Amino acid sequence: MKKACILALSLIPTAAFAENGYNNDWRFYLRADAGLTYSDLEVKEYDLGGFQGMFNFAGGVQKARWRAELNYQERATVSELFSSLLTQTMASMEQHAFLLNGYYDIFSSKHFAWYLGAGAGLNSYETVVTYQNTGIETTEDGYSLIAGAYTGLSINFEHIGIDLGVDYYYTYKPSQNTFVPKVGLRVIF
């Protein structure tokens, strides 16, 4: 009787994962997503504010409610046209980052999950400022730390996941706080 109770209790987590659509095995996945946001950023005396596009490509592993991944991110900011007309400067910035991310599904059902995540890594940046009246161009580049926090809704099928979420990023230099609405696709192997 005691063995039967232990066996029955040990099957409860397995049944819960199967009911929620989780596979308790380690599974690899590839992920790509894109987003767009408005960024108000100043580097030295130059206004780099404007729309900022973001693209992520990641590879990772998942088991049940947990995911861990290595992520490559590219972001580009272009100054506003109105600002460039007033100041006679054009300013742009490109950023490339590698982050290590972790995710956990807080709430889940067979096809839907609400997830939270966090990550940190290294960000490289390059700013280019062109003075329109003289044609002189100045550049600045470097490396800094980047951290992120993520939340969103996953729509899950057997080998495909669609993510709709919002990412928050903080870069140390140049100092920047960014909220990025995004849409993404995961292919699970």
N, C-alpha and C. Protein backbone atom coordinates (compact mmCIF):
# COMPACT_ATOMS: atom_id res chain seq x y z
N MET A 1 0.83 -1.20 0.00
CA MET A 1 0.00 0.00 0.00
C MET A 1 0.87 1.26 0.00
N LYS A 2 1.94 1.22 0.79
CA LYS A 2 2.82 2.36 0.87
C LYS A 2 3.49 2.61 -0.49
N LYS A 3 3.91 1.54 -1.18
CA LYS A 3 4.54 1.67 -2.49
C LYS A 3 3.55 2.22 -3.51
N ALA A 4 2.30 1.81 -3.44
CA ALA A 4 1.27 2.29 -4.36
C ALA A 4 1.04 3.79 -4.18
N CYS A 5 1.02 4.26 -2.93
CA CYS A 5 0.85 5.69 -2.65
C CYS A 5 2.03 6.49 -3.18
N ILE A 6 3.25 6.00 -2.96
CA ILE A 6 4.44 6.69 -3.45
C ILE A 6 4.43 6.76 -4.97
N LEU A 7 4.06 5.66 -5.62
CA LEU A 7 3.99 5.63 -7.08
C LEU A 7 2.94 6.62 -7.59
N ALA A 8 1.78 6.65 -6.95
CA ALA A 8 0.71 7.56 -7.36
C ALA A 8 1.14 9.02 -7.20
N LEU A 9 1.81 9.34 -6.07
CA LEU A 9 2.27 10.71 -5.84
C LEU A 9 3.37 11.11 -6.82
N SER A 10 4.20 10.16 -7.21
CA SER A 10 5.28 10.49 -8.15
C SER A 10 4.75 10.75 -9.56
N LEU A 11 3.57 10.26 -9.89
CA LEU A 11 3.00 10.49 -11.22
C LEU A 11 2.28 11.83 -11.35
N ILE A 12 1.97 12.48 -10.23
CA ILE A 12 1.24 13.75 -10.26
C ILE A 12 2.00 14.82 -11.03
N PRO A 13 3.30 15.07 -10.75
CA PRO A 13 3.99 16.10 -11.56
C PRO A 13 4.04 15.75 -13.04
N THR A 14 4.23 14.49 -13.39
CA THR A 14 4.26 14.08 -14.78
C THR A 14 2.92 14.34 -15.45
N ALA A 15 1.84 14.01 -14.78
CA ALA A 15 0.51 14.25 -15.33
C ALA A 15 0.25 15.75 -15.46
N ALA A 16 0.72 16.56 -14.51
CA ALA A 16 0.51 18.01 -14.58
C ALA A 16 1.24 18.59 -15.78
N PHE A 17 2.49 18.15 -16.03
CA PHE A 17 3.22 18.65 -17.19
C PHE A 17 2.55 18.22 -18.48
N ALA A 18 2.10 16.98 -18.56
CA ALA A 18 1.44 16.50 -19.78
C ALA A 18 0.15 17.26 -20.03
N GLU A 19 -0.58 17.55 -18.95
CA GLU A 19 -1.85 18.27 -19.09
C GLU A 19 -1.62 19.69 -19.60
N ASN A 20 -0.55 20.33 -19.16
CA ASN A 20 -0.26 21.69 -19.59
C ASN A 20 0.50 21.75 -20.90
N GLY A 21 0.74 20.62 -21.52
CA GLY A 21 1.44 20.61 -22.79
C GLY A 21 2.95 20.65 -22.66
N TYR A 22 3.48 20.44 -21.46
CA TYR A 22 4.92 20.49 -21.26
C TYR A 22 5.55 19.14 -21.53
N ASN A 23 6.72 19.21 -22.08
CA ASN A 23 7.53 18.03 -22.28
C ASN A 23 8.61 18.09 -21.21
N ASN A 24 8.76 17.06 -20.43
CA ASN A 24 9.70 17.06 -19.32
C ASN A 24 11.12 16.73 -19.78
N ASP A 25 11.34 16.55 -21.09
CA ASP A 25 12.67 16.30 -21.63
C ASP A 25 13.34 17.63 -21.97
N TRP A 26 14.68 17.59 -22.05
CA TRP A 26 15.40 18.76 -22.55
C TRP A 26 15.15 18.87 -24.04
N ARG A 27 14.74 20.05 -24.49
CA ARG A 27 14.49 20.28 -25.92
C ARG A 27 15.22 21.55 -26.36
N PHE A 28 15.82 21.50 -27.54
CA PHE A 28 16.51 22.66 -28.09
C PHE A 28 15.53 23.50 -28.89
N TYR A 29 15.81 24.81 -28.97
CA TYR A 29 14.97 25.68 -29.79
C TYR A 29 15.81 26.81 -30.39
N LEU A 30 15.30 27.37 -31.46
CA LEU A 30 15.82 28.59 -32.06
C LEU A 30 14.71 29.62 -32.02
N ARG A 31 15.09 30.88 -31.78
CA ARG A 31 14.10 31.95 -31.63
C ARG A 31 14.56 33.18 -32.40
N ALA A 32 13.60 33.86 -33.02
CA ALA A 32 13.85 35.15 -33.66
C ALA A 32 12.68 36.06 -33.33
N ASP A 33 12.97 37.31 -33.01
CA ASP A 33 11.89 38.27 -32.80
C ASP A 33 12.36 39.67 -33.19
N ALA A 34 11.37 40.54 -33.36
CA ALA A 34 11.64 41.91 -33.77
C ALA A 34 10.70 42.84 -33.03
N GLY A 35 11.16 44.06 -32.82
CA GLY A 35 10.34 45.06 -32.14
C GLY A 35 10.73 46.45 -32.57
N LEU A 36 9.91 47.42 -32.20
CA LEU A 36 10.14 48.82 -32.54
C LEU A 36 9.72 49.67 -31.35
N THR A 37 10.54 50.68 -31.03
CA THR A 37 10.22 51.56 -29.92
C THR A 37 10.73 52.96 -30.21
N TYR A 38 10.33 53.92 -29.39
CA TYR A 38 10.88 55.27 -29.48
C TYR A 38 11.89 55.41 -28.35
N SER A 39 13.06 55.91 -28.68
CA SER A 39 14.12 56.06 -27.69
C SER A 39 14.53 57.52 -27.61
N ASP A 40 14.56 58.06 -26.41
CA ASP A 40 15.04 59.42 -26.19
C ASP A 40 16.42 59.30 -25.57
N LEU A 41 17.45 59.44 -26.38
CA LEU A 41 18.82 59.17 -25.96
C LEU A 41 19.70 60.34 -26.32
N GLU A 42 20.58 60.73 -25.39
CA GLU A 42 21.54 61.77 -25.65
C GLU A 42 22.93 61.23 -25.38
N VAL A 43 23.84 61.42 -26.34
CA VAL A 43 25.24 61.07 -26.17
C VAL A 43 26.03 62.35 -26.32
N LYS A 44 26.75 62.72 -25.25
CA LYS A 44 27.41 64.03 -25.19
C LYS A 44 26.32 65.07 -25.39
N GLU A 45 26.48 66.00 -26.34
CA GLU A 45 25.44 67.01 -26.55
C GLU A 45 24.54 66.68 -27.72
N TYR A 46 24.63 65.46 -28.25
CA TYR A 46 23.87 65.09 -29.44
C TYR A 46 22.62 64.31 -29.08
N ASP A 47 21.52 64.72 -29.70
CA ASP A 47 20.25 64.05 -29.49
C ASP A 47 20.15 62.89 -30.48
N LEU A 48 20.13 61.67 -29.96
CA LEU A 48 19.98 60.49 -30.81
C LEU A 48 18.57 59.92 -30.69
N GLY A 49 17.65 60.73 -30.17
CA GLY A 49 16.28 60.27 -30.00
C GLY A 49 15.64 59.95 -31.33
N GLY A 50 14.77 58.98 -31.31
CA GLY A 50 14.07 58.59 -32.52
C GLY A 50 13.58 57.17 -32.40
N PHE A 51 13.11 56.65 -33.49
CA PHE A 51 12.63 55.27 -33.47
C PHE A 51 13.82 54.32 -33.47
N GLN A 52 13.68 53.28 -32.71
CA GLN A 52 14.74 52.28 -32.56
C GLN A 52 14.17 50.92 -32.92
N GLY A 53 14.79 50.26 -33.88
CA GLY A 53 14.39 48.92 -34.26
C GLY A 53 15.27 47.90 -33.54
N MET A 54 14.70 46.74 -33.22
CA MET A 54 15.42 45.70 -32.52
C MET A 54 15.18 44.36 -33.21
N PHE A 55 16.24 43.56 -33.32
CA PHE A 55 16.14 42.21 -33.85
C PHE A 55 16.92 41.29 -32.93
N ASN A 56 16.33 40.17 -32.53
CA ASN A 56 16.98 39.16 -31.69
C ASN A 56 17.04 37.84 -32.44
N PHE A 57 18.13 37.12 -32.24
CA PHE A 57 18.24 35.74 -32.70
C PHE A 57 18.86 34.96 -31.55
N ALA A 58 18.22 33.85 -31.15
CA ALA A 58 18.69 33.11 -29.98
C ALA A 58 18.59 31.61 -30.19
N GLY A 59 19.41 30.89 -29.48
CA GLY A 59 19.35 29.44 -29.41
C GLY A 59 19.37 29.04 -27.96
N GLY A 60 18.57 28.04 -27.61
CA GLY A 60 18.51 27.67 -26.20
C GLY A 60 17.95 26.30 -25.97
N VAL A 61 17.73 26.00 -24.70
CA VAL A 61 17.14 24.74 -24.27
C VAL A 61 15.96 25.04 -23.36
N GLN A 62 14.98 24.13 -23.37
CA GLN A 62 13.85 24.26 -22.47
C GLN A 62 13.52 22.92 -21.86
N LYS A 63 13.05 22.98 -20.64
CA LYS A 63 12.58 21.80 -19.93
C LYS A 63 11.41 22.24 -19.08
N ALA A 64 10.26 21.62 -19.33
CA ALA A 64 9.03 21.97 -18.61
C ALA A 64 8.80 23.48 -18.71
N ARG A 65 8.73 24.19 -17.59
CA ARG A 65 8.44 25.63 -17.59
C ARG A 65 9.67 26.51 -17.76
N TRP A 66 10.86 25.95 -17.80
CA TRP A 66 12.11 26.72 -17.81
C TRP A 66 12.72 26.78 -19.19
N ARG A 67 13.34 27.94 -19.51
CA ARG A 67 14.12 28.10 -20.74
C ARG A 67 15.39 28.86 -20.41
N ALA A 68 16.49 28.50 -21.06
CA ALA A 68 17.75 29.23 -20.97
C ALA A 68 18.30 29.37 -22.38
N GLU A 69 18.88 30.55 -22.68
CA GLU A 69 19.32 30.78 -24.05
C GLU A 69 20.49 31.75 -24.12
N LEU A 70 21.20 31.68 -25.23
CA LEU A 70 22.21 32.67 -25.60
C LEU A 70 21.60 33.47 -26.75
N ASN A 71 21.60 34.79 -26.60
CA ASN A 71 20.87 35.68 -27.49
C ASN A 71 21.81 36.69 -28.13
N TYR A 72 21.68 36.88 -29.45
CA TYR A 72 22.36 37.97 -30.15
C TYR A 72 21.29 39.01 -30.47
N GLN A 73 21.60 40.27 -30.17
CA GLN A 73 20.64 41.35 -30.40
C GLN A 73 21.29 42.47 -31.19
N GLU A 74 20.53 43.03 -32.12
CA GLU A 74 20.98 44.19 -32.88
C GLU A 74 19.91 45.27 -32.74
N ARG A 75 20.36 46.49 -32.39
CA ARG A 75 19.45 47.63 -32.29
C ARG A 75 20.07 48.81 -33.04
N ALA A 76 19.23 49.59 -33.69
CA ALA A 76 19.71 50.77 -34.42
C ALA A 76 18.78 51.94 -34.16
N THR A 77 19.35 53.10 -33.85
CA THR A 77 18.59 54.32 -33.58
C THR A 77 19.01 55.38 -34.59
N VAL A 78 18.03 56.06 -35.16
CA VAL A 78 18.31 57.14 -36.09
C VAL A 78 17.65 58.40 -35.55
N SER A 79 18.37 59.54 -35.62
CA SER A 79 17.82 60.78 -35.06
C SER A 79 16.57 61.22 -35.80
N GLU A 80 15.78 62.03 -35.12
CA GLU A 80 14.55 62.54 -35.72
C GLU A 80 14.89 63.55 -36.82
N LEU A 81 14.11 63.57 -37.86
CA LEU A 81 14.32 64.51 -38.95
C LEU A 81 14.18 65.95 -38.47
N PHE A 82 13.17 66.24 -37.64
CA PHE A 82 12.93 67.60 -37.16
C PHE A 82 14.13 68.10 -36.35
N SER A 83 14.65 67.24 -35.47
CA SER A 83 15.80 67.61 -34.65
C SER A 83 17.02 67.89 -35.52
N SER A 84 17.22 67.09 -36.56
CA SER A 84 18.39 67.28 -37.43
C SER A 84 18.27 68.58 -38.23
N LEU A 85 17.07 69.00 -38.59
CA LEU A 85 16.90 70.27 -39.30
C LEU A 85 17.23 71.46 -38.41
N LEU A 86 16.85 71.38 -37.13
CA LEU A 86 17.11 72.48 -36.21
C LEU A 86 18.59 72.57 -35.84
N THR A 87 19.23 71.44 -35.63
CA THR A 87 20.61 71.44 -35.13
C THR A 87 21.64 71.28 -36.25
N GLN A 88 21.18 71.03 -37.47
CA GLN A 88 22.07 70.81 -38.62
C GLN A 88 23.03 69.64 -38.39
N THR A 89 22.57 68.64 -37.65
CA THR A 89 23.36 67.43 -37.43
C THR A 89 22.49 66.21 -37.69
N MET A 90 23.11 65.15 -38.15
CA MET A 90 22.46 63.85 -38.27
C MET A 90 23.20 62.91 -37.34
N ALA A 91 22.48 62.21 -36.51
CA ALA A 91 23.12 61.32 -35.54
C ALA A 91 22.47 59.95 -35.62
N SER A 92 23.30 58.93 -35.53
CA SER A 92 22.78 57.56 -35.54
C SER A 92 23.61 56.70 -34.60
N MET A 93 23.02 55.61 -34.15
CA MET A 93 23.73 54.69 -33.28
C MET A 93 23.34 53.26 -33.63
N GLU A 94 24.33 52.37 -33.63
CA GLU A 94 24.10 50.94 -33.78
C GLU A 94 24.60 50.25 -32.53
N GLN A 95 23.85 49.25 -32.09
CA GLN A 95 24.25 48.46 -30.92
C GLN A 95 24.14 46.98 -31.26
N HIS A 96 25.10 46.22 -30.77
CA HIS A 96 25.12 44.77 -30.92
C HIS A 96 25.40 44.19 -29.54
N ALA A 97 24.61 43.21 -29.14
CA ALA A 97 24.77 42.67 -27.78
C ALA A 97 24.65 41.15 -27.79
N PHE A 98 25.34 40.54 -26.86
CA PHE A 98 25.18 39.11 -26.56
C PHE A 98 24.70 39.02 -25.12
N LEU A 99 23.57 38.33 -24.91
CA LEU A 99 22.98 38.20 -23.59
C LEU A 99 22.75 36.73 -23.26
N LEU A 100 22.84 36.40 -22.00
CA LEU A 100 22.44 35.09 -21.48
C LEU A 100 21.11 35.31 -20.77
N ASN A 101 20.04 34.65 -21.26
CA ASN A 101 18.68 34.88 -20.76
C ASN A 101 18.12 33.63 -20.11
N GLY A 102 17.22 33.85 -19.15
CA GLY A 102 16.46 32.77 -18.54
C GLY A 102 14.99 33.16 -18.48
N TYR A 103 14.09 32.17 -18.67
CA TYR A 103 12.65 32.42 -18.68
C TYR A 103 11.95 31.38 -17.82
N TYR A 104 10.80 31.78 -17.26
CA TYR A 104 9.96 30.86 -16.51
C TYR A 104 8.51 31.15 -16.84
N ASP A 105 7.72 30.10 -17.12
CA ASP A 105 6.29 30.26 -17.39
C ASP A 105 5.54 30.34 -16.06
N ILE A 106 5.04 31.52 -15.74
CA ILE A 106 4.30 31.74 -14.49
C ILE A 106 2.95 31.05 -14.52
N PHE A 107 2.23 31.25 -15.60
CA PHE A 107 0.91 30.66 -15.79
C PHE A 107 0.93 29.91 -17.11
N SER A 108 0.30 28.74 -17.15
CA SER A 108 0.32 28.01 -18.41
C SER A 108 -0.91 27.13 -18.54
N SER A 109 -1.29 26.91 -19.78
CA SER A 109 -2.30 25.92 -20.13
C SER A 109 -1.72 25.16 -21.33
N LYS A 110 -2.53 24.37 -21.99
CA LYS A 110 -1.99 23.54 -23.07
C LYS A 110 -1.36 24.37 -24.19
N HIS A 111 -1.99 25.49 -24.57
CA HIS A 111 -1.49 26.26 -25.70
C HIS A 111 -1.06 27.68 -25.35
N PHE A 112 -1.23 28.12 -24.11
CA PHE A 112 -0.88 29.48 -23.74
C PHE A 112 -0.01 29.48 -22.50
N ALA A 113 0.92 30.45 -22.44
CA ALA A 113 1.74 30.62 -21.25
C ALA A 113 2.07 32.10 -21.08
N TRP A 114 2.08 32.55 -19.86
CA TRP A 114 2.55 33.88 -19.51
C TRP A 114 3.93 33.70 -18.91
N TYR A 115 4.94 34.35 -19.48
CA TYR A 115 6.31 34.13 -19.04
C TYR A 115 6.93 35.40 -18.48
N LEU A 116 7.92 35.19 -17.61
CA LEU A 116 8.80 36.25 -17.11
C LEU A 116 10.22 35.81 -17.40
N GLY A 117 11.10 36.77 -17.65
CA GLY A 117 12.48 36.43 -17.92
C GLY A 117 13.42 37.56 -17.57
N ALA A 118 14.70 37.24 -17.55
CA ALA A 118 15.74 38.24 -17.27
C ALA A 118 17.01 37.80 -17.99
N GLY A 119 17.88 38.77 -18.24
CA GLY A 119 19.13 38.45 -18.90
C GLY A 119 20.16 39.55 -18.69
N ALA A 120 21.41 39.22 -18.99
CA ALA A 120 22.50 40.18 -18.88
C ALA A 120 23.58 39.80 -19.88
N GLY A 121 24.38 40.80 -20.27
CA GLY A 121 25.43 40.51 -21.23
C GLY A 121 26.28 41.72 -21.54
N LEU A 122 26.91 41.67 -22.71
CA LEU A 122 27.83 42.70 -23.16
C LEU A 122 27.27 43.38 -24.41
N ASN A 123 27.30 44.70 -24.42
CA ASN A 123 26.75 45.52 -25.50
C ASN A 123 27.89 46.30 -26.15
N SER A 124 27.98 46.27 -27.48
CA SER A 124 28.91 47.16 -28.18
C SER A 124 28.08 48.21 -28.91
N TYR A 125 28.62 49.43 -28.98
CA TYR A 125 27.87 50.51 -29.61
C TYR A 125 28.80 51.36 -30.46
N GLU A 126 28.20 52.00 -31.46
CA GLU A 126 28.92 52.97 -32.29
C GLU A 126 27.96 54.10 -32.62
N THR A 127 28.36 55.32 -32.30
CA THR A 127 27.57 56.51 -32.65
C THR A 127 28.30 57.26 -33.75
N VAL A 128 27.53 57.79 -34.68
CA VAL A 128 28.07 58.60 -35.78
C VAL A 128 27.28 59.90 -35.82
N VAL A 129 27.99 61.02 -35.74
CA VAL A 129 27.36 62.34 -35.82
C VAL A 129 27.95 63.06 -37.01
N THR A 130 27.08 63.52 -37.93
CA THR A 130 27.52 64.23 -39.13
C THR A 130 26.96 65.65 -39.08
N TYR A 131 27.85 66.63 -39.16
CA TYR A 131 27.44 68.03 -39.22
C TYR A 131 27.11 68.35 -40.67
N GLN A 132 25.85 68.69 -40.92
CA GLN A 132 25.39 68.88 -42.30
C GLN A 132 26.03 70.08 -42.97
N ASN A 133 26.27 71.15 -42.23
CA ASN A 133 26.81 72.36 -42.86
C ASN A 133 28.30 72.24 -43.17
N THR A 134 29.06 71.39 -42.46
CA THR A 134 30.50 71.25 -42.72
C THR A 134 30.86 69.90 -43.31
N GLY A 135 30.00 68.92 -43.15
CA GLY A 135 30.29 67.57 -43.63
C GLY A 135 31.23 66.79 -42.72
N ILE A 136 31.63 67.37 -41.59
CA ILE A 136 32.52 66.69 -40.65
C ILE A 136 31.74 65.61 -39.91
N GLU A 137 32.38 64.46 -39.77
CA GLU A 137 31.73 63.32 -39.12
C GLU A 137 32.58 62.90 -37.92
N THR A 138 31.93 62.70 -36.78
CA THR A 138 32.63 62.19 -35.59
C THR A 138 31.99 60.87 -35.19
N THR A 139 32.81 59.97 -34.69
CA THR A 139 32.31 58.67 -34.25
C THR A 139 32.80 58.39 -32.85
N GLU A 140 32.03 57.59 -32.14
CA GLU A 140 32.42 57.10 -30.82
C GLU A 140 31.94 55.66 -30.73
N ASP A 141 32.80 54.80 -30.22
CA ASP A 141 32.38 53.41 -30.03
C ASP A 141 32.95 52.88 -28.73
N GLY A 142 32.39 51.77 -28.29
CA GLY A 142 32.85 51.17 -27.05
C GLY A 142 32.00 49.99 -26.65
N TYR A 143 32.24 49.51 -25.44
CA TYR A 143 31.53 48.37 -24.89
C TYR A 143 30.95 48.75 -23.53
N SER A 144 29.83 48.13 -23.19
CA SER A 144 29.23 48.35 -21.88
C SER A 144 28.38 47.15 -21.50
N LEU A 145 27.87 47.18 -20.30
CA LEU A 145 26.97 46.11 -19.83
C LEU A 145 25.55 46.40 -20.27
N ILE A 146 24.79 45.33 -20.49
CA ILE A 146 23.37 45.45 -20.82
C ILE A 146 22.61 44.45 -19.95
N ALA A 147 21.44 44.85 -19.49
CA ALA A 147 20.57 43.97 -18.71
C ALA A 147 19.16 44.07 -19.26
N GLY A 148 18.40 43.00 -19.15
CA GLY A 148 17.04 42.99 -19.67
C GLY A 148 16.08 42.27 -18.75
N ALA A 149 14.82 42.67 -18.84
CA ALA A 149 13.71 41.99 -18.15
C ALA A 149 12.60 41.82 -19.18
N TYR A 150 11.94 40.65 -19.16
CA TYR A 150 11.01 40.31 -20.23
C TYR A 150 9.72 39.75 -19.65
N THR A 151 8.62 40.07 -20.33
CA THR A 151 7.34 39.46 -20.01
C THR A 151 6.52 39.37 -21.29
N GLY A 152 5.63 38.41 -21.32
CA GLY A 152 4.79 38.28 -22.50
C GLY A 152 3.94 37.03 -22.47
N LEU A 153 3.24 36.83 -23.56
CA LEU A 153 2.35 35.69 -23.74
C LEU A 153 2.90 34.82 -24.85
N SER A 154 2.99 33.51 -24.60
CA SER A 154 3.40 32.55 -25.61
C SER A 154 2.19 31.77 -26.07
N ILE A 155 2.06 31.62 -27.37
CA ILE A 155 1.05 30.74 -27.94
C ILE A 155 1.83 29.53 -28.45
N ASN A 156 1.59 28.36 -27.85
CA ASN A 156 2.43 27.19 -28.09
C ASN A 156 1.70 26.08 -28.82
N PHE A 157 2.41 25.50 -29.76
CA PHE A 157 1.98 24.30 -30.46
C PHE A 157 3.08 23.27 -30.23
N GLU A 158 3.01 22.13 -30.88
CA GLU A 158 3.98 21.07 -30.59
C GLU A 158 5.42 21.50 -30.86
N HIS A 159 5.71 22.11 -32.00
CA HIS A 159 7.07 22.48 -32.34
C HIS A 159 7.24 23.97 -32.66
N ILE A 160 6.20 24.75 -32.42
CA ILE A 160 6.23 26.18 -32.73
C ILE A 160 5.71 26.96 -31.52
N GLY A 161 6.35 28.08 -31.22
CA GLY A 161 5.88 29.00 -30.21
C GLY A 161 5.86 30.41 -30.78
N ILE A 162 4.79 31.15 -30.56
CA ILE A 162 4.68 32.53 -30.98
C ILE A 162 4.67 33.38 -29.72
N ASP A 163 5.60 34.33 -29.64
CA ASP A 163 5.72 35.17 -28.45
C ASP A 163 5.28 36.59 -28.76
N LEU A 164 4.41 37.13 -27.91
CA LEU A 164 3.99 38.53 -27.96
C LEU A 164 4.36 39.12 -26.61
N GLY A 165 5.27 40.08 -26.59
CA GLY A 165 5.73 40.56 -25.30
C GLY A 165 6.29 41.95 -25.32
N VAL A 166 6.82 42.33 -24.16
CA VAL A 166 7.49 43.61 -23.97
C VAL A 166 8.82 43.33 -23.28
N ASP A 167 9.90 43.85 -23.87
CA ASP A 167 11.22 43.73 -23.28
C ASP A 167 11.64 45.08 -22.72
N TYR A 168 12.35 45.04 -21.60
CA TYR A 168 12.96 46.25 -21.03
C TYR A 168 14.46 46.05 -21.05
N TYR A 169 15.20 47.05 -21.56
CA TYR A 169 16.66 46.97 -21.60
C TYR A 169 17.27 48.20 -20.94
N TYR A 170 18.34 47.96 -20.20
CA TYR A 170 19.14 49.04 -19.64
C TYR A 170 20.58 48.84 -20.10
N THR A 171 21.15 49.86 -20.73
CA THR A 171 22.57 49.83 -21.07
C THR A 171 23.28 50.87 -20.23
N TYR A 172 24.46 50.49 -19.77
CA TYR A 172 25.24 51.36 -18.89
C TYR A 172 25.82 52.55 -19.64
N LYS A 173 26.40 52.27 -20.82
CA LYS A 173 26.97 53.35 -21.62
C LYS A 173 26.69 53.07 -23.08
N PRO A 174 26.10 53.96 -23.80
CA PRO A 174 25.48 55.18 -23.29
C PRO A 174 24.25 54.82 -22.45
N SER A 175 24.02 55.58 -21.41
CA SER A 175 22.93 55.29 -20.48
C SER A 175 21.59 55.33 -21.22
N GLN A 176 20.87 54.20 -21.17
CA GLN A 176 19.63 54.10 -21.94
C GLN A 176 18.67 53.13 -21.26
N ASN A 177 17.42 53.54 -21.12
CA ASN A 177 16.32 52.70 -20.67
C ASN A 177 15.34 52.58 -21.82
N THR A 178 15.01 51.34 -22.21
CA THR A 178 14.16 51.15 -23.38
C THR A 178 13.13 50.06 -23.12
N PHE A 179 11.86 50.35 -23.42
CA PHE A 179 10.79 49.35 -23.44
C PHE A 179 10.49 49.04 -24.90
N VAL A 180 10.55 47.75 -25.27
CA VAL A 180 10.39 47.36 -26.67
C VAL A 180 9.25 46.35 -26.81
N PRO A 181 8.09 46.74 -27.36
CA PRO A 181 7.08 45.75 -27.73
C PRO A 181 7.61 44.89 -28.87
N LYS A 182 7.36 43.57 -28.82
CA LYS A 182 7.94 42.69 -29.82
C LYS A 182 7.01 41.54 -30.17
N VAL A 183 7.31 40.91 -31.30
CA VAL A 183 6.64 39.69 -31.72
C VAL A 183 7.74 38.74 -32.18
N GLY A 184 7.61 37.46 -31.82
CA GLY A 184 8.68 36.52 -32.14
C GLY A 184 8.16 35.12 -32.45
N LEU A 185 9.06 34.31 -32.94
CA LEU A 185 8.74 32.94 -33.32
C LEU A 185 9.83 32.01 -32.77
N ARG A 186 9.42 30.90 -32.14
CA ARG A 186 10.34 29.87 -31.65
C ARG A 186 10.06 28.57 -32.39
N VAL A 187 11.13 27.91 -32.82
CA VAL A 187 11.02 26.59 -33.42
C VAL A 187 11.68 25.62 -32.44
N ILE A 188 10.89 24.63 -31.97
CA ILE A 188 11.33 23.71 -30.92
C ILE A 188 11.63 22.36 -31.54
N PHE A 189 12.82 21.83 -31.25
CA PHE A 189 13.25 20.54 -31.81
C PHE A 189 13.07 19.42 -30.82
